[in-house]
Structures are given as structure tokens and as C-alpha cells.
Amino acid sequence: MFKKKIIITGGAGFIGSSFAEFLNNKLKHYEIILFDKKKFFNKNKLVSKNNKIKYIQGNTINFDRYFKNMINIETIFHFGEFSRIVQSFNYTKECFVSNGIATFNVINFCKKKNIKLVYSASSSKFGNKGKDENLSPYSWTKSKNIELIRNYNKWFNLDYEIVYFYNVYGGNHIRTGKMATVIAIFEDQYLKKKPLTVVGNGKQKRDFTHISDIVRGTYYAWNKNKKKEYLLYSGDNLSIISIAKMFNCQIKHIPERQGERLDSIKPNFKKKIYLPFRAKIKLKDYIKKFINAQKKK
């Protein structure tokens, strides 16, 4: 019987399941509970011993219903939110319910039960000297959640860490559908021998962080236990067009989309609240390895 429990919302997703696997190999005396609205999830993909990983299917909008009687919950890693800028214009209600009401329920639950919260924030709030936090429904809701967490700490002494994710890629990232990410889309188009679709002129810049660095950085923030905010970034602010050219194939430019940011900006580290974190994996090395692997097949 495990004495302590960790809950990962969005546990069936790309980041949540990757983090669960990392914790499973790192921790011995915790039960890891994956919570996700998806109906089916194969936990056997994770190397688990002694039934250490448990899966609960449900929605964070009803978070209390599932966990109000559970004891020994030490930390909730909240990854289970609506997570795409452009799609937040098409699915605005879903975005506001997930990132607004549902996240409030998780935050308030942590307050009531005296549970530590680790929140996955978005780097989108830093663009254009902070003005980009109002650029899309997604960016706005994520920014307001950061304010709420900080205030809950002041009002109720909420124990928390905030980790800012910078365009996560690698491993099992989503290659197709409305939640597909840039690097994953490029990979899918490369495999299908299709032109790589670049939005606009492709000069918009982004910082991409490999999933292994994301999970390592999130664990680092949790383990530090200092009620701080961490930027999980690679340090390479690359243009989309330069990334597309790394694949050495045809490129097709498509119309610009609402909510597209021009740059991915890191805040001033002189502010003590932001603690720097350096990633180990470079995107150019990842793409080179991906292409070489396909050539060997």
C-alpha cells in the first residue's frame, strides 16, 4: 500500500503520460493516478510495478466528485487543459470551460485539501512585452490562471510551483488532427512525402522544448519546492521557416491564422520569480536524428 499519491490531470495525453513514465521510474513510494476524460488508455505502455499507476476516467469540471474522499494526495500536476492557441478561436466555449471553471475547481480543491499544485503554464503570456496574453482565448485563460494561483498563495497559502512550457515536441506528440503541433505536423508531412505547410512567411519565431526536458524540468521544479515559477525552454528562438528547411523537402506557404504570435519571448531573469532552466536536447539534432532514422528504413 502506497502512503502518498500523485494525481496527473491530462494523464492520458502526450505530456501527462510521458511525465507519469518518468515518475514511475524515479519514485518508489508513490501511487501515480492518471486522470483524463479519454475513455480508453493503455497504462501497460508505462512500465509499472506493483500496480503503482492507476487510471481514472473523468472530467476536471467534476474534479471533487472523483477525489473528495481520497486521502494522502500530496501533489496534483495539472496538465489537463485546452491547449491550442489557434483552435481556441474555434472552440472558445470548450477552452473557457476547461481552462476557466475546471481549472478553478482543481485549484480550489488543492486549497481545501492542503495539496500542492504544480501548474503547466504557457509561454504565450510573455510575447509582445506581455500584451500577447490577450491575443487569444487560450492565452488569456492561461494568464488568468497564473494570477489566480498567485493570489491563492497570498490569500490561502496555497502551495504551488508553476512551469512554463515552450512548444513541446518529441516521442508520442500528436501528428494529426486539431491538436497537432508544428514539429509533429512537419514529421507527418515528411513521412507522407507532402510539402511542409508554413503559415505566412514563416518568420515567426518559437522556442521548442523536447518532452524529455519538459518532464525533467517539471520534476526539478516540484523537487525544489520553493513556490517559484520555472521556464522550461531550450534557448533556441528559431523561425518556423528555418525549421521547415531542416527537413530538406518542399515547402508550401499557407494563409496566416488568427492568434499567431510573431515571437516567443523570455522574460527578464532579474526578476527573482523566474528561475532559468536549460534544456539538453536541441531541435536541430532531433530533426537530424528523425530524418536519418527514416532513411534507414
Protein backbone atom coordinates (compact mmCIF):
# COMPACT_ATOMS: atom_id res chain seq x y z
CA MET A 1 0.00 0.00 0.00
CA PHE A 2 1.43 3.35 -1.04
CA LYS A 3 1.41 6.07 1.59
CA LYS A 4 1.46 9.00 -0.82
CA LYS A 5 -0.46 9.77 -4.01
CA ILE A 6 0.21 11.96 -7.01
CA ILE A 7 -2.53 12.95 -9.44
CA ILE A 8 -1.74 13.95 -13.03
CA THR A 9 -4.65 15.59 -14.86
CA GLY A 10 -4.46 15.08 -18.60
CA GLY A 11 -2.68 11.86 -17.69
CA ALA A 12 -3.52 10.12 -20.96
CA GLY A 13 -2.09 12.95 -23.03
CA PHE A 14 1.34 13.36 -24.58
CA ILE A 15 2.90 15.29 -21.71
CA GLY A 16 0.91 13.68 -18.89
CA SER A 17 1.72 10.09 -19.84
CA SER A 18 5.38 10.94 -20.50
CA PHE A 19 5.64 12.55 -17.08
CA ALA A 20 3.94 9.56 -15.47
CA GLU A 21 6.51 7.24 -17.00
CA PHE A 22 9.30 9.48 -15.71
CA LEU A 23 7.85 9.50 -12.18
CA ASN A 24 7.25 5.78 -12.30
CA ASN A 25 10.98 5.22 -12.84
CA LYS A 26 12.00 7.93 -10.38
CA LEU A 27 9.77 7.38 -7.36
CA LYS A 28 9.29 4.24 -5.29
CA HIS A 29 6.71 5.03 -2.64
CA TYR A 30 4.04 6.94 -4.57
CA GLU A 31 0.87 5.80 -6.27
CA ILE A 32 0.53 7.68 -9.56
CA ILE A 33 -3.07 8.44 -10.55
CA LEU A 34 -3.69 9.45 -14.14
CA PHE A 35 -6.92 11.42 -14.59
CA ASP A 36 -8.26 12.14 -18.06
CA LYS A 37 -11.57 12.49 -19.90
CA LYS A 38 -10.49 9.97 -22.52
CA LYS A 39 -12.39 6.71 -22.26
CA PHE A 40 -9.56 4.39 -23.17
CA PHE A 41 -5.96 4.44 -22.05
CA ASN A 42 -3.43 1.62 -22.14
CA LYS A 43 -1.44 2.03 -18.94
CA ASN A 44 0.54 -1.03 -19.96
CA LYS A 45 2.50 1.30 -22.22
CA LEU A 46 4.06 2.52 -18.99
CA VAL A 47 6.48 0.17 -17.26
CA SER A 48 4.74 -0.14 -13.90
CA LYS A 49 5.42 -2.41 -10.95
CA ASN A 50 3.08 -3.32 -8.07
CA ASN A 51 0.13 -1.53 -9.73
CA LYS A 52 1.78 1.80 -8.99
CA ILE A 53 -0.06 3.53 -11.85
CA LYS A 54 -3.83 3.87 -11.67
CA TYR A 55 -6.14 5.34 -14.31
CA ILE A 56 -9.37 7.22 -13.62
CA GLN A 57 -11.55 8.41 -16.48
CA GLY A 58 -13.37 11.67 -15.79
CA ASN A 59 -13.56 15.41 -16.36
CA THR A 60 -11.89 18.12 -14.25
CA ILE A 61 -15.16 20.06 -14.31
CA ASN A 62 -16.32 17.49 -11.73
CA PHE A 63 -12.97 17.08 -10.01
CA ASP A 64 -14.35 16.96 -6.44
CA ARG A 65 -16.66 14.09 -7.32
CA TYR A 66 -13.76 11.77 -8.03
CA PHE A 67 -11.31 12.72 -5.31
CA LYS A 68 -13.15 14.27 -2.35
CA ASN A 69 -12.82 11.10 -0.26
CA MET A 70 -9.32 10.16 -1.35
CA ILE A 71 -6.62 10.55 1.29
CA ASN A 72 -2.85 11.07 1.19
CA ILE A 73 -2.84 13.12 -2.02
CA GLU A 74 0.43 15.04 -1.85
CA THR A 75 0.58 16.78 -5.23
CA ILE A 76 -1.62 17.44 -8.24
CA PHE A 77 0.15 18.09 -11.54
CA HIS A 78 -2.43 19.95 -13.59
CA PHE A 79 -1.80 19.32 -17.29
CA GLY A 80 -5.40 18.63 -18.32
CA GLU A 81 -6.48 21.83 -20.06
CA PHE A 82 -7.41 23.04 -23.53
CA SER A 83 -4.01 23.65 -25.06
CA ARG A 84 -4.01 25.22 -28.53
CA ILE A 85 -3.94 28.94 -29.41
CA VAL A 86 -5.46 28.88 -32.90
CA GLN A 87 -8.09 26.28 -32.02
CA SER A 88 -9.25 28.36 -29.05
CA PHE A 89 -10.96 30.69 -31.56
CA ASN A 90 -12.91 27.74 -33.00
CA TYR A 91 -13.65 26.02 -29.68
CA THR A 92 -13.91 29.05 -27.39
CA LYS A 93 -16.51 27.60 -25.05
CA GLU A 94 -14.52 24.40 -24.60
CA CYS A 95 -11.43 26.49 -23.89
CA PHE A 96 -13.16 28.64 -21.26
CA VAL A 97 -14.82 25.70 -19.52
CA SER A 98 -11.61 23.66 -19.42
CA ASN A 99 -9.17 26.45 -18.59
CA GLY A 100 -11.60 28.52 -16.54
CA ILE A 101 -14.20 26.67 -14.49
CA ALA A 102 -12.49 23.28 -14.44
CA THR A 103 -9.08 24.65 -13.52
CA PHE A 104 -10.65 26.75 -10.75
CA ASN A 105 -12.12 23.53 -9.37
CA VAL A 106 -8.68 21.92 -9.31
CA ILE A 107 -7.06 24.96 -7.68
CA ASN A 108 -9.77 25.26 -5.08
CA PHE A 109 -9.62 21.54 -4.35
CA CYS A 110 -5.89 21.89 -3.62
CA LYS A 111 -6.65 24.76 -1.26
CA LYS A 112 -9.36 22.87 0.62
CA LYS A 113 -7.32 19.68 0.97
CA ASN A 114 -3.95 21.37 1.55
CA ILE A 115 -2.45 19.74 -1.56
CA LYS A 116 0.50 21.06 -3.55
CA LEU A 117 -0.34 22.21 -7.08
CA VAL A 118 2.08 22.10 -10.00
CA TYR A 119 0.55 24.04 -12.88
CA SER A 120 1.60 23.83 -16.53
CA ALA A 121 1.52 27.43 -17.72
CA SER A 122 2.06 28.74 -21.24
CA SER A 123 4.93 30.81 -22.56
CA SER A 124 2.39 32.64 -24.76
CA LYS A 125 1.82 35.19 -21.98
CA PHE A 126 5.31 36.67 -22.45
CA GLY A 127 5.06 37.67 -26.12
CA ASN A 128 4.98 41.32 -27.19
CA LYS A 129 6.04 42.54 -23.73
CA GLY A 130 3.18 40.67 -22.11
CA LYS A 131 0.47 42.00 -24.44
CA ASP A 132 0.13 38.64 -26.17
CA GLU A 133 -1.62 37.25 -23.11
CA ASN A 134 -4.73 38.92 -24.61
CA LEU A 135 -4.07 37.67 -28.15
CA SER A 136 -6.31 34.59 -27.93
CA PRO A 137 -8.88 32.94 -25.62
CA TYR A 138 -6.25 30.31 -24.79
CA SER A 139 -3.53 32.81 -23.83
CA TRP A 140 -5.95 34.91 -21.79
CA THR A 141 -7.32 32.00 -19.76
CA LYS A 142 -3.85 30.62 -19.06
CA SER A 143 -2.64 34.04 -17.90
CA LYS A 144 -5.61 34.48 -15.57
CA ASN A 145 -4.97 31.09 -14.02
CA ILE A 146 -1.45 32.20 -13.12
CA GLU A 147 -2.88 35.29 -11.42
CA LEU A 148 -5.38 33.13 -9.56
CA ILE A 149 -2.72 30.71 -8.32
CA ARG A 150 -0.52 33.55 -7.12
CA ASN A 151 -3.46 35.12 -5.30
CA TYR A 152 -4.50 31.80 -3.76
CA ASN A 153 -0.99 31.62 -2.37
CA LYS A 154 -1.42 35.10 -0.82
CA TRP A 155 -4.99 34.55 0.36
CA PHE A 156 -4.89 30.91 1.47
CA ASN A 157 -1.19 29.95 1.47
CA LEU A 158 -1.65 27.61 -1.49
CA ASP A 159 1.48 25.52 -2.05
CA TYR A 160 2.41 25.65 -5.73
CA GLU A 161 5.00 25.61 -8.49
CA ILE A 162 4.40 26.97 -12.00
CA VAL A 163 6.21 25.56 -15.02
CA TYR A 164 6.03 27.38 -18.36
CA PHE A 165 6.03 25.07 -21.36
CA TYR A 166 7.64 26.19 -24.62
CA ASN A 167 6.23 24.31 -27.65
CA VAL A 168 6.73 20.72 -26.55
CA TYR A 169 7.75 18.09 -29.13
CA GLY A 170 9.16 14.57 -29.37
CA GLY A 171 8.18 10.98 -28.76
CA ASN A 172 4.43 10.49 -28.98
CA HIS A 173 3.44 14.05 -29.88
CA ILE A 174 0.20 14.43 -31.86
CA ARG A 175 0.83 14.44 -35.60
CA THR A 176 -2.71 14.81 -36.96
CA GLY A 177 -5.99 16.46 -36.03
CA LYS A 178 -6.87 19.79 -34.43
CA MET A 179 -4.41 19.33 -31.55
CA ALA A 180 -1.39 18.51 -33.72
CA THR A 181 1.75 20.55 -33.06
CA VAL A 182 4.14 22.19 -35.55
CA ILE A 183 7.05 19.72 -35.35
CA ALA A 184 4.66 16.77 -35.33
CA ILE A 185 2.82 18.12 -38.39
CA PHE A 186 6.12 18.54 -40.23
CA GLU A 187 7.04 14.95 -39.35
CA ASP A 188 3.70 13.65 -40.61
CA GLN A 189 4.01 15.58 -43.87
CA TYR A 190 7.59 14.39 -44.30
CA LEU A 191 6.57 10.75 -43.83
CA LYS A 192 3.70 11.16 -46.32
CA LYS A 193 6.03 12.91 -48.78
CA LYS A 194 3.90 16.03 -48.76
CA PRO A 195 5.08 19.67 -48.79
CA LEU A 196 5.62 21.14 -45.33
CA THR A 197 2.94 23.76 -44.66
CA VAL A 198 4.33 27.01 -43.24
CA VAL A 199 1.96 29.71 -42.00
CA GLY A 200 2.52 33.07 -43.67
CA ASN A 201 6.14 33.88 -44.45
CA GLY A 202 7.36 31.62 -41.65
CA LYS A 203 9.39 34.33 -39.96
CA GLN A 204 7.51 33.95 -36.68
CA LYS A 205 9.89 32.57 -34.06
CA ARG A 206 9.37 29.91 -31.42
CA ASP A 207 11.36 28.15 -28.73
CA PHE A 208 10.83 24.38 -28.82
CA THR A 209 11.48 22.08 -25.85
CA HIS A 210 11.84 18.30 -26.09
CA ILE A 211 9.46 16.22 -23.97
CA SER A 212 12.34 14.66 -22.01
CA ASP A 213 13.45 18.13 -20.91
CA ILE A 214 9.87 19.08 -20.04
CA VAL A 215 9.39 16.12 -17.71
CA ARG A 216 12.84 16.57 -16.21
CA GLY A 217 12.22 20.28 -15.66
CA THR A 218 8.79 19.70 -14.14
CA TYR A 219 10.23 17.20 -11.71
CA TYR A 220 13.04 19.64 -10.92
CA ALA A 221 10.53 22.39 -10.08
CA TRP A 222 8.46 20.07 -7.90
CA ASN A 223 11.50 18.70 -6.11
CA LYS A 224 12.87 22.21 -5.40
CA ASN A 225 9.65 23.00 -3.52
CA LYS A 226 10.20 26.77 -3.42
CA LYS A 227 6.85 28.17 -4.65
CA LYS A 228 8.54 29.55 -7.76
CA GLU A 229 7.99 29.80 -11.49
CA TYR A 230 10.22 27.99 -13.99
CA LEU A 231 10.75 28.50 -17.71
CA LEU A 232 11.28 25.17 -19.44
CA TYR A 233 12.87 26.34 -22.67
CA SER A 234 15.68 25.28 -25.00
CA GLY A 235 17.21 28.71 -25.57
CA ASP A 236 16.94 28.48 -29.37
CA ASN A 237 14.46 31.03 -30.71
CA LEU A 238 14.06 29.68 -34.25
CA SER A 239 11.88 30.83 -37.14
CA ILE A 240 9.34 28.34 -38.47
CA ILE A 241 10.72 28.65 -41.99
CA SER A 242 14.25 27.80 -40.80
CA ILE A 243 12.89 24.72 -39.03
CA ALA A 244 10.99 23.60 -42.12
CA LYS A 245 14.17 23.88 -44.19
CA MET A 246 15.90 21.45 -41.80
CA PHE A 247 13.71 18.69 -43.28
CA ASN A 248 15.18 19.30 -46.76
CA CYS A 249 11.90 18.97 -48.64
CA GLN A 250 9.34 21.09 -50.45
CA ILE A 251 7.64 23.91 -48.53
CA LYS A 252 4.14 25.27 -49.07
CA HIS A 253 3.09 28.61 -47.56
CA ILE A 254 -0.47 28.83 -46.23
CA PRO A 255 -2.51 31.88 -45.09
CA GLU A 256 -1.87 33.44 -41.69
CA ARG A 257 -4.22 32.49 -38.86
CA GLN A 258 -5.80 34.50 -36.08
CA GLY A 259 -3.83 34.44 -32.83
CA GLU A 260 -0.43 33.72 -34.40
CA ARG A 261 2.40 35.24 -32.36
CA LEU A 262 5.42 36.81 -34.04
CA ASP A 263 7.91 35.80 -31.38
CA SER A 264 8.50 33.63 -28.33
CA ILE A 265 9.93 35.91 -25.67
CA LYS A 266 11.58 35.00 -22.39
CA PRO A 267 11.10 37.46 -19.51
CA ASN A 268 13.82 39.31 -17.65
CA PHE A 269 15.63 36.89 -15.34
CA LYS A 270 16.47 39.75 -12.99
CA LYS A 271 13.02 39.17 -11.60
CA LYS A 272 13.73 36.52 -8.99
CA ILE A 273 10.41 34.77 -9.53
CA TYR A 274 11.66 33.37 -12.84
CA LEU A 275 14.32 30.73 -12.41
CA PRO A 276 16.20 29.72 -15.57
CA PHE A 277 16.20 26.12 -16.75
CA ARG A 278 18.33 24.87 -19.63
CA ALA A 279 17.26 22.02 -21.84
CA LYS A 280 19.65 19.30 -23.02
CA ILE A 281 18.16 18.40 -26.41
CA LYS A 282 18.40 20.74 -29.41
CA LEU A 283 15.69 20.72 -32.06
CA LYS A 284 18.13 20.60 -34.97
CA ASP A 285 19.71 17.44 -33.52
CA TYR A 286 16.30 15.87 -33.03
CA ILE A 287 15.25 16.57 -36.63
CA LYS A 288 18.53 15.23 -37.98
CA LYS A 289 18.08 12.04 -35.98
CA PHE A 290 14.47 11.71 -37.18
CA ILE A 291 15.46 12.06 -40.86
CA ASN A 292 18.37 9.61 -40.52
CA ALA A 293 16.05 7.06 -38.89
CA GLN A 294 13.65 7.28 -41.84
CA LYS A 295 16.44 6.83 -44.35
CA LYS A 296 17.50 3.59 -42.66
CA LYS A 297 14.03 2.06 -43.04
